[in-house]
Amino acid sequence: AVIHRGEPLQRTPQSKPHVCEELVRLGGELVYLIGTRAYNQEDFNRAVKFNPRMRSYVRGTRMRNPEMYARGSVRHADHATIRLEGWHRVMINAEITTSNLAYLD
């Protein structure tokens, strides 16, 4: 697995990300970020077929719902930085879970 450094984690394209010092991700679904929406490959292909300029609107790609492990510091604008010694599995906070919630890494 590849260790990503300074990797952002966010629930939606418009949310503030947590930033992990080191992160490993396994699997997941590739999504394209356009505006405040994340398009999966099928939806993105359909949108490009309808409007070829959609390719120029992509502001990045992420993996939706991968299995993730983090270690080191985890920073976020809304709370103090935490330090993870060793690898820890990253889980989405189930406190406000809905069927439309997913991690975008």
N, C-alpha and C. Protein backbone atom coordinates (compact mmCIF):
# COMPACT_ATOMS: atom_id res chain seq x y z
N ALA A 1 0.84 -1.19 0.00
CA ALA A 1 0.00 0.00 0.00
C ALA A 1 0.88 1.25 0.00
N VAL A 2 0.37 2.31 -0.58
CA VAL A 2 1.09 3.58 -0.65
C VAL A 2 0.74 4.41 0.59
N ILE A 3 1.75 5.01 1.22
CA ILE A 3 1.51 5.91 2.34
C ILE A 3 1.42 7.33 1.78
N HIS A 4 0.25 7.94 1.94
CA HIS A 4 0.02 9.32 1.49
C HIS A 4 0.36 10.26 2.64
N ARG A 5 1.04 11.34 2.36
CA ARG A 5 1.43 12.31 3.40
C ARG A 5 0.66 13.61 3.21
N GLY A 6 0.19 14.17 4.34
CA GLY A 6 -0.59 15.41 4.28
C GLY A 6 -1.90 15.23 3.56
N GLU A 7 -2.52 14.08 3.77
CA GLU A 7 -3.72 13.70 3.01
C GLU A 7 -5.00 14.28 3.63
N PRO A 8 -5.84 15.00 2.84
CA PRO A 8 -7.10 15.52 3.37
C PRO A 8 -8.19 14.46 3.41
N LEU A 9 -9.03 14.51 4.45
CA LEU A 9 -10.21 13.66 4.57
C LEU A 9 -11.41 14.57 4.76
N GLN A 10 -12.45 14.40 3.96
CA GLN A 10 -13.64 15.22 4.13
C GLN A 10 -14.88 14.45 3.76
N ARG A 11 -16.00 14.82 4.39
CA ARG A 11 -17.26 14.11 4.13
C ARG A 11 -17.87 14.51 2.80
N THR A 12 -17.85 15.81 2.51
CA THR A 12 -18.44 16.32 1.27
C THR A 12 -17.45 17.30 0.64
N PRO A 13 -17.59 17.59 -0.65
CA PRO A 13 -16.66 18.53 -1.29
C PRO A 13 -16.63 19.91 -0.65
N GLN A 14 -17.71 20.33 0.03
CA GLN A 14 -17.72 21.65 0.64
C GLN A 14 -17.34 21.66 2.12
N SER A 15 -17.12 20.51 2.75
CA SER A 15 -16.77 20.47 4.17
C SER A 15 -15.27 20.72 4.39
N LYS A 16 -14.93 21.16 5.61
CA LYS A 16 -13.53 21.41 5.96
C LYS A 16 -12.84 20.06 6.20
N PRO A 17 -11.71 19.82 5.56
CA PRO A 17 -11.06 18.52 5.72
C PRO A 17 -10.23 18.38 6.99
N HIS A 18 -10.13 17.15 7.49
CA HIS A 18 -9.10 16.78 8.44
C HIS A 18 -7.87 16.48 7.58
N VAL A 19 -6.69 16.76 8.08
CA VAL A 19 -5.46 16.49 7.32
C VAL A 19 -4.63 15.52 8.13
N CYS A 20 -4.36 14.35 7.53
CA CYS A 20 -3.60 13.29 8.20
C CYS A 20 -2.13 13.36 7.79
N GLU A 21 -1.26 13.24 8.78
CA GLU A 21 0.17 13.23 8.48
C GLU A 21 0.51 12.06 7.56
N GLU A 22 0.00 10.87 7.90
CA GLU A 22 0.19 9.69 7.04
C GLU A 22 -1.11 8.92 6.95
N LEU A 23 -1.45 8.48 5.74
CA LEU A 23 -2.70 7.76 5.53
C LEU A 23 -2.50 6.69 4.47
N VAL A 24 -3.07 5.52 4.72
CA VAL A 24 -3.09 4.43 3.75
C VAL A 24 -4.55 4.17 3.42
N ARG A 25 -4.88 4.06 2.14
CA ARG A 25 -6.25 3.72 1.77
C ARG A 25 -6.25 2.48 0.89
N LEU A 26 -7.28 1.67 1.08
CA LEU A 26 -7.44 0.43 0.33
C LEU A 26 -8.81 0.45 -0.33
N GLY A 27 -8.84 0.26 -1.64
CA GLY A 27 -10.10 0.20 -2.36
C GLY A 27 -10.78 1.55 -2.45
N GLY A 28 -12.10 1.52 -2.62
CA GLY A 28 -12.90 2.73 -2.76
C GLY A 28 -13.33 2.95 -4.19
N GLU A 29 -14.13 3.97 -4.39
CA GLU A 29 -14.67 4.29 -5.71
C GLU A 29 -14.15 5.67 -6.14
N LEU A 30 -13.58 5.77 -7.32
CA LEU A 30 -13.08 7.04 -7.85
C LEU A 30 -14.26 7.98 -8.12
N VAL A 31 -14.14 9.23 -7.63
CA VAL A 31 -15.14 10.25 -7.91
C VAL A 31 -14.44 11.52 -8.40
N TYR A 32 -15.15 12.28 -9.23
CA TYR A 32 -14.67 13.54 -9.77
C TYR A 32 -15.38 14.68 -9.06
N LEU A 33 -14.63 15.67 -8.56
CA LEU A 33 -15.21 16.79 -7.84
C LEU A 33 -15.46 17.94 -8.81
N ILE A 34 -16.74 18.31 -8.93
CA ILE A 34 -17.15 19.41 -9.79
C ILE A 34 -18.12 20.25 -8.96
N GLY A 35 -17.73 21.48 -8.67
CA GLY A 35 -18.55 22.33 -7.81
C GLY A 35 -18.67 21.70 -6.44
N THR A 36 -19.90 21.54 -5.97
CA THR A 36 -20.14 20.92 -4.66
C THR A 36 -20.59 19.47 -4.78
N ARG A 37 -20.35 18.88 -5.93
CA ARG A 37 -20.83 17.51 -6.18
C ARG A 37 -19.68 16.58 -6.52
N ALA A 38 -19.82 15.33 -6.11
CA ALA A 38 -18.86 14.28 -6.45
C ALA A 38 -19.54 13.31 -7.42
N TYR A 39 -18.99 13.19 -8.63
CA TYR A 39 -19.55 12.32 -9.67
C TYR A 39 -18.80 11.00 -9.70
N ASN A 40 -19.51 9.87 -9.68
CA ASN A 40 -18.82 8.59 -9.89
C ASN A 40 -18.50 8.47 -11.38
N GLN A 41 -17.77 7.44 -11.75
CA GLN A 41 -17.29 7.32 -13.14
C GLN A 41 -18.45 7.28 -14.14
N GLU A 42 -19.49 6.53 -13.83
CA GLU A 42 -20.63 6.41 -14.74
C GLU A 42 -21.33 7.76 -14.93
N ASP A 43 -21.60 8.47 -13.83
CA ASP A 43 -22.26 9.78 -13.92
C ASP A 43 -21.38 10.80 -14.62
N PHE A 44 -20.07 10.75 -14.36
CA PHE A 44 -19.15 11.68 -15.00
C PHE A 44 -19.12 11.44 -16.52
N ASN A 45 -19.03 10.18 -16.94
CA ASN A 45 -19.03 9.86 -18.37
C ASN A 45 -20.30 10.34 -19.05
N ARG A 46 -21.44 10.16 -18.37
CA ARG A 46 -22.72 10.60 -18.91
C ARG A 46 -22.75 12.13 -19.04
N ALA A 47 -22.26 12.83 -18.01
CA ALA A 47 -22.25 14.30 -18.04
C ALA A 47 -21.34 14.82 -19.14
N VAL A 48 -20.18 14.19 -19.34
CA VAL A 48 -19.24 14.62 -20.38
C VAL A 48 -19.82 14.37 -21.77
N LYS A 49 -20.53 13.28 -21.91
CA LYS A 49 -21.16 12.98 -23.20
C LYS A 49 -22.20 14.06 -23.54
N PHE A 50 -22.93 14.50 -22.52
CA PHE A 50 -23.93 15.55 -22.70
C PHE A 50 -23.28 16.92 -22.89
N ASN A 51 -22.20 17.19 -22.12
CA ASN A 51 -21.52 18.48 -22.17
C ASN A 51 -20.01 18.25 -22.07
N PRO A 52 -19.28 18.17 -23.19
CA PRO A 52 -17.84 17.89 -23.16
C PRO A 52 -17.02 18.88 -22.33
N ARG A 53 -17.53 20.09 -22.09
CA ARG A 53 -16.81 21.06 -21.27
C ARG A 53 -16.74 20.65 -19.80
N MET A 54 -17.52 19.67 -19.39
CA MET A 54 -17.49 19.19 -17.99
C MET A 54 -16.08 18.79 -17.57
N ARG A 55 -15.29 18.27 -18.50
CA ARG A 55 -13.91 17.87 -18.17
C ARG A 55 -13.11 19.04 -17.60
N SER A 56 -13.35 20.24 -18.12
CA SER A 56 -12.60 21.42 -17.67
C SER A 56 -13.09 21.91 -16.30
N TYR A 57 -14.24 21.46 -15.83
CA TYR A 57 -14.78 21.89 -14.54
C TYR A 57 -14.27 21.04 -13.38
N VAL A 58 -13.62 19.92 -13.67
CA VAL A 58 -13.14 19.02 -12.60
C VAL A 58 -12.07 19.74 -11.78
N ARG A 59 -12.27 19.81 -10.47
CA ARG A 59 -11.28 20.45 -9.61
C ARG A 59 -10.49 19.44 -8.80
N GLY A 60 -10.67 18.18 -9.11
CA GLY A 60 -9.90 17.14 -8.44
C GLY A 60 -10.63 15.81 -8.46
N THR A 61 -9.93 14.78 -8.06
CA THR A 61 -10.54 13.46 -7.91
C THR A 61 -10.26 12.98 -6.49
N ARG A 62 -11.12 12.12 -6.00
CA ARG A 62 -10.96 11.52 -4.68
C ARG A 62 -11.46 10.08 -4.76
N MET A 63 -11.19 9.33 -3.70
CA MET A 63 -11.73 7.98 -3.57
C MET A 63 -12.85 8.02 -2.54
N ARG A 64 -14.02 7.51 -2.91
CA ARG A 64 -15.17 7.48 -2.00
C ARG A 64 -15.19 6.16 -1.23
N ASN A 65 -15.30 6.27 0.07
CA ASN A 65 -15.44 5.12 0.99
C ASN A 65 -14.33 4.07 0.90
N PRO A 66 -13.08 4.47 0.87
CA PRO A 66 -12.03 3.46 0.95
C PRO A 66 -11.87 2.99 2.40
N GLU A 67 -11.22 1.86 2.60
CA GLU A 67 -10.79 1.46 3.94
C GLU A 67 -9.51 2.25 4.20
N MET A 68 -9.46 2.96 5.35
CA MET A 68 -8.34 3.87 5.59
C MET A 68 -7.71 3.63 6.96
N TYR A 69 -6.40 3.86 7.01
CA TYR A 69 -5.63 3.77 8.25
C TYR A 69 -4.74 5.00 8.32
N ALA A 70 -4.68 5.62 9.51
CA ALA A 70 -3.89 6.84 9.69
C ALA A 70 -2.94 6.70 10.86
N ARG A 71 -1.84 7.46 10.81
CA ARG A 71 -0.93 7.57 11.95
C ARG A 71 -0.29 8.96 11.90
N GLY A 72 0.25 9.37 13.04
CA GLY A 72 0.84 10.70 13.13
C GLY A 72 -0.20 11.74 13.50
N SER A 73 0.06 12.98 13.15
CA SER A 73 -0.85 14.06 13.53
C SER A 73 -2.07 14.11 12.60
N VAL A 74 -3.20 14.52 13.19
CA VAL A 74 -4.43 14.75 12.43
C VAL A 74 -4.90 16.16 12.80
N ARG A 75 -4.90 17.05 11.80
CA ARG A 75 -5.26 18.45 12.02
C ARG A 75 -6.65 18.75 11.47
N HIS A 76 -7.33 19.70 12.13
CA HIS A 76 -8.62 20.19 11.65
C HIS A 76 -8.81 21.60 12.18
N ALA A 77 -9.45 22.45 11.39
CA ALA A 77 -9.64 23.85 11.77
C ALA A 77 -10.51 24.01 13.02
N ASP A 78 -11.39 23.05 13.30
CA ASP A 78 -12.34 23.19 14.41
C ASP A 78 -11.91 22.56 15.73
N HIS A 79 -10.76 21.90 15.77
CA HIS A 79 -10.32 21.32 17.04
C HIS A 79 -8.80 21.19 17.08
N ALA A 80 -8.30 20.90 18.27
CA ALA A 80 -6.86 20.76 18.45
C ALA A 80 -6.34 19.56 17.65
N THR A 81 -5.09 19.64 17.26
CA THR A 81 -4.43 18.54 16.57
C THR A 81 -4.30 17.35 17.51
N ILE A 82 -4.57 16.16 16.99
CA ILE A 82 -4.37 14.94 17.78
C ILE A 82 -3.19 14.18 17.19
N ARG A 83 -2.61 13.31 17.98
CA ARG A 83 -1.46 12.51 17.55
C ARG A 83 -1.81 11.04 17.71
N LEU A 84 -1.70 10.28 16.62
CA LEU A 84 -1.98 8.85 16.63
C LEU A 84 -0.65 8.09 16.61
N GLU A 85 -0.38 7.35 17.64
CA GLU A 85 0.81 6.50 17.69
C GLU A 85 0.44 5.16 17.07
N GLY A 86 1.11 4.76 16.05
CA GLY A 86 0.77 3.51 15.34
C GLY A 86 -0.41 3.73 14.41
N TRP A 87 -0.74 2.69 13.66
CA TRP A 87 -1.83 2.79 12.67
C TRP A 87 -3.18 2.60 13.34
N HIS A 88 -4.15 3.45 12.94
CA HIS A 88 -5.52 3.40 13.45
C HIS A 88 -6.47 3.42 12.26
N ARG A 89 -7.49 2.55 12.31
CA ARG A 89 -8.49 2.56 11.25
C ARG A 89 -9.34 3.82 11.35
N VAL A 90 -9.57 4.47 10.23
CA VAL A 90 -10.38 5.68 10.18
C VAL A 90 -11.83 5.28 9.92
N MET A 91 -12.72 5.75 10.79
CA MET A 91 -14.15 5.46 10.65
C MET A 91 -14.90 6.78 10.60
N ILE A 92 -15.96 6.82 9.81
CA ILE A 92 -16.78 8.02 9.74
C ILE A 92 -17.58 8.13 11.04
N ASN A 93 -17.78 9.35 11.53
CA ASN A 93 -18.55 9.58 12.74
C ASN A 93 -20.01 9.23 12.45
N ALA A 94 -20.55 8.24 13.15
CA ALA A 94 -21.91 7.76 12.91
C ALA A 94 -22.96 8.62 13.60
N GLU A 95 -22.54 9.64 14.32
CA GLU A 95 -23.47 10.49 15.06
C GLU A 95 -24.51 11.13 14.15
N ILE A 96 -24.12 11.51 12.94
CA ILE A 96 -25.06 12.16 12.02
C ILE A 96 -25.17 11.39 10.71
N THR A 97 -24.96 10.10 10.72
CA THR A 97 -24.94 9.30 9.50
C THR A 97 -26.29 9.33 8.78
N THR A 98 -26.21 9.51 7.47
CA THR A 98 -27.37 9.39 6.59
C THR A 98 -26.95 8.50 5.43
N SER A 99 -27.87 8.12 4.60
CA SER A 99 -27.54 7.26 3.48
C SER A 99 -26.69 7.98 2.43
N ASN A 100 -26.64 9.33 2.48
CA ASN A 100 -25.88 10.10 1.50
C ASN A 100 -24.48 10.48 1.97
N LEU A 101 -24.06 10.01 3.15
CA LEU A 101 -22.80 10.42 3.72
C LEU A 101 -21.69 9.45 3.31
N ALA A 102 -20.56 9.99 2.89
CA ALA A 102 -19.42 9.16 2.48
C ALA A 102 -18.14 9.96 2.67
N TYR A 103 -17.04 9.27 2.92
CA TYR A 103 -15.75 9.94 2.97
C TYR A 103 -15.27 10.17 1.56
N LEU A 104 -14.64 11.32 1.35
CA LEU A 104 -13.96 11.61 0.09
C LEU A 104 -12.51 11.82 0.42
N ASP A 105 -11.67 10.93 -0.03
CA ASP A 105 -10.25 11.00 0.28
C ASP A 105 -9.48 11.27 -0.98
